[in-house]
C-alpha atoms as a PDB file:
ATOM      1  CA  MET A   1       0.000   0.000   0.000  1.00  0.00           C
ATOM      2  CA  GLY A   2       1.186   3.533  -0.768  1.00  0.00           C
ATOM      3  CA  LYS A   3       2.411   5.957   1.848  1.00  0.00           C
ATOM      4  CA  ILE A   4       0.122   8.948   2.433  1.00  0.00           C
ATOM      5  CA  GLU A   5       1.765  12.285   3.216  1.00  0.00           C
ATOM      6  CA  SER A   6       0.090  15.541   4.149  1.00  0.00           C
ATOM      7  CA  LEU A   7       0.366  18.434   1.708  1.00  0.00           C
ATOM      8  CA  HIS A   8      -1.140  20.920   4.167  1.00  0.00           C
ATOM      9  CA  GLY A   9       0.264  24.366   3.452  1.00  0.00           C
ATOM     10  CA  THR A  10       1.615  23.371   0.053  1.00  0.00           C
ATOM     11  CA  THR A  11       0.571  25.602  -2.841  1.00  0.00           C
ATOM     12  CA  PRO A  12      -0.791  24.167  -6.099  1.00  0.00           C
ATOM     13  CA  ALA A  13       2.325  25.515  -7.847  1.00  0.00           C
ATOM     14  CA  GLU A  14       4.612  23.585  -5.486  1.00  0.00           C
ATOM     15  CA  ILE A  15       2.625  20.397  -6.048  1.00  0.00           C
ATOM     16  CA  PHE A  16       2.766  20.931  -9.810  1.00  0.00           C
ATOM     17  CA  GLU A  17       6.523  21.579  -9.742  1.00  0.00           C
ATOM     18  CA  SER A  18       7.130  18.416  -7.732  1.00  0.00           C
ATOM     19  CA  GLY A  19       5.018  16.491 -10.218  1.00  0.00           C
ATOM     20  CA  LEU A  20       7.080  17.794 -13.128  1.00  0.00           C
ATOM     21  CA  GLU A  21      10.309  16.855 -11.367  1.00  0.00           C
ATOM     22  CA  ASN A  22       9.036  13.324 -10.680  1.00  0.00           C
ATOM     23  CA  VAL A  23       6.724  12.748 -13.646  1.00  0.00           C
ATOM     24  CA  GLY A  24       8.258   9.377 -14.460  1.00  0.00           C
ATOM     25  CA  GLU A  25       7.274   8.043 -11.040  1.00  0.00           C
ATOM     26  CA  ILE A  26       3.584   9.070 -11.148  1.00  0.00           C
ATOM     27  CA  VAL A  27       0.999   6.375 -11.920  1.00  0.00           C
ATOM     28  CA  GLY A  28      -2.133   8.212 -10.774  1.00  0.00           C
ATOM     29  CA  VAL A  29      -3.277  11.373  -9.049  1.00  0.00           C
ATOM     30  CA  ALA A  30      -5.275  11.614  -5.827  1.00  0.00           C
ATOM     31  CA  ALA A  31      -7.071  14.816  -4.956  1.00  0.00           C
ATOM     32  CA  THR A  32      -8.825  16.089  -1.869  1.00  0.00           C
ATOM     33  CA  VAL A  33     -11.165  19.058  -1.893  1.00  0.00           C
ATOM     34  CA  LEU A  34     -12.150  21.057   1.204  1.00  0.00           C
ATOM     35  CA  TRP A  35     -15.509  22.711   0.540  1.00  0.00           C
ATOM     36  CA  LYS A  36     -16.691  25.949   2.166  1.00  0.00           C
ATOM     37  CA  ASP A  37     -19.271  24.011   4.204  1.00  0.00           C
ATOM     38  CA  GLY A  38     -16.533  21.894   5.819  1.00  0.00           C
ATOM     39  CA  ARG A  39     -17.054  18.739   3.746  1.00  0.00           C
ATOM     40  CA  VAL A  40     -13.989  16.969   2.409  1.00  0.00           C
ATOM     41  CA  THR A  41     -14.152  14.851  -0.712  1.00  0.00           C
ATOM     42  CA  ALA A  42     -11.313  12.739  -2.041  1.00  0.00           C
ATOM     43  CA  GLY A  43     -10.558  10.449  -4.916  1.00  0.00           C
ATOM     44  CA  TRP A  44      -8.117   9.638  -7.643  1.00  0.00           C
ATOM     45  CA  SER A  45      -8.005  10.302 -11.347  1.00  0.00           C
ATOM     46  CA  ASN A  46      -6.205   9.003 -14.372  1.00  0.00           C
ATOM     47  CA  LEU A  47      -6.928  12.335 -16.111  1.00  0.00           C
ATOM     48  CA  ASP A  48      -4.550  13.056 -18.975  1.00  0.00           C
ATOM     49  CA  ALA A  49      -1.526  15.134 -18.009  1.00  0.00           C
ATOM     50  CA  ALA A  50      -2.492  18.182 -20.084  1.00  0.00           C
ATOM     51  CA  SER A  51      -5.937  18.496 -18.470  1.00  0.00           C
ATOM     52  CA  LEU A  52      -4.531  17.941 -14.995  1.00  0.00           C
ATOM     53  CA  SER A  53      -1.817  20.552 -15.573  1.00  0.00           C
ATOM     54  CA  ARG A  54      -4.359  23.104 -16.771  1.00  0.00           C
ATOM     55  CA  MET A  55      -6.576  22.493 -13.730  1.00  0.00           C
ATOM     56  CA  ILE A  56      -3.675  22.980 -11.312  1.00  0.00           C
ATOM     57  CA  LEU A  57      -2.494  26.146 -13.038  1.00  0.00           C
ATOM     58  CA  ILE A  58      -6.030  27.609 -12.966  1.00  0.00           C
ATOM     59  CA  LEU A  59      -6.348  26.814  -9.250  1.00  0.00           C
ATOM     60  CA  ASP A  60      -2.977  28.437  -8.592  1.00  0.00           C
ATOM     61  CA  GLU A  61      -3.971  31.573 -10.499  1.00  0.00           C
ATOM     62  CA  LYS A  62      -7.264  31.776  -8.572  1.00  0.00           C
ATOM     63  CA  GLN A  63      -5.366  31.477  -5.272  1.00  0.00           C
ATOM     64  CA  ARG A  64      -2.914  34.199  -6.311  1.00  0.00           C
ATOM     65  CA  ARG A  65      -5.714  36.579  -7.310  1.00  0.00           C
ATOM     66  CA  ALA A  66      -7.467  35.957  -4.008  1.00  0.00           C
ATOM     67  CA  THR A  67      -4.384  36.643  -1.904  1.00  0.00           C
ATOM     68  CA  ILE A  68      -2.416  39.293  -3.820  1.00  0.00           C
ATOM     69  CA  HIS A  69      -4.249  42.544  -4.422  1.00  0.00           C
ATOM     70  CA  ASP A  70      -3.220  45.260  -6.889  1.00  0.00           C
ATOM     71  CA  SER A  71      -2.466  47.688  -4.050  1.00  0.00           C
ATOM     72  CA  ASP A  72       0.120  45.220  -2.676  1.00  0.00           C
ATOM     73  CA  LEU A  73       1.992  45.402  -5.983  1.00  0.00           C
ATOM     74  CA  ASP A  74       2.287  49.205  -6.077  1.00  0.00           C
ATOM     75  CA  ASP A  75       5.700  50.734  -5.322  1.00  0.00           C
END
């Protein structure tokens, strides 16, 4: 059985980068989603790499937009 490690505090970009560095070792992808109402859903996917990459990049961009405001970027 596989070893399960926590990714708490890890950004989608960090997960994606690790995946790129170790792509030859990946045989499937497991995902867990924490919903606003406190529910947690989990599962795995054999989604093609291009679709998975796009999803992760979109999630990362959404997180960045939610946490970095234009006023924070002003000199």
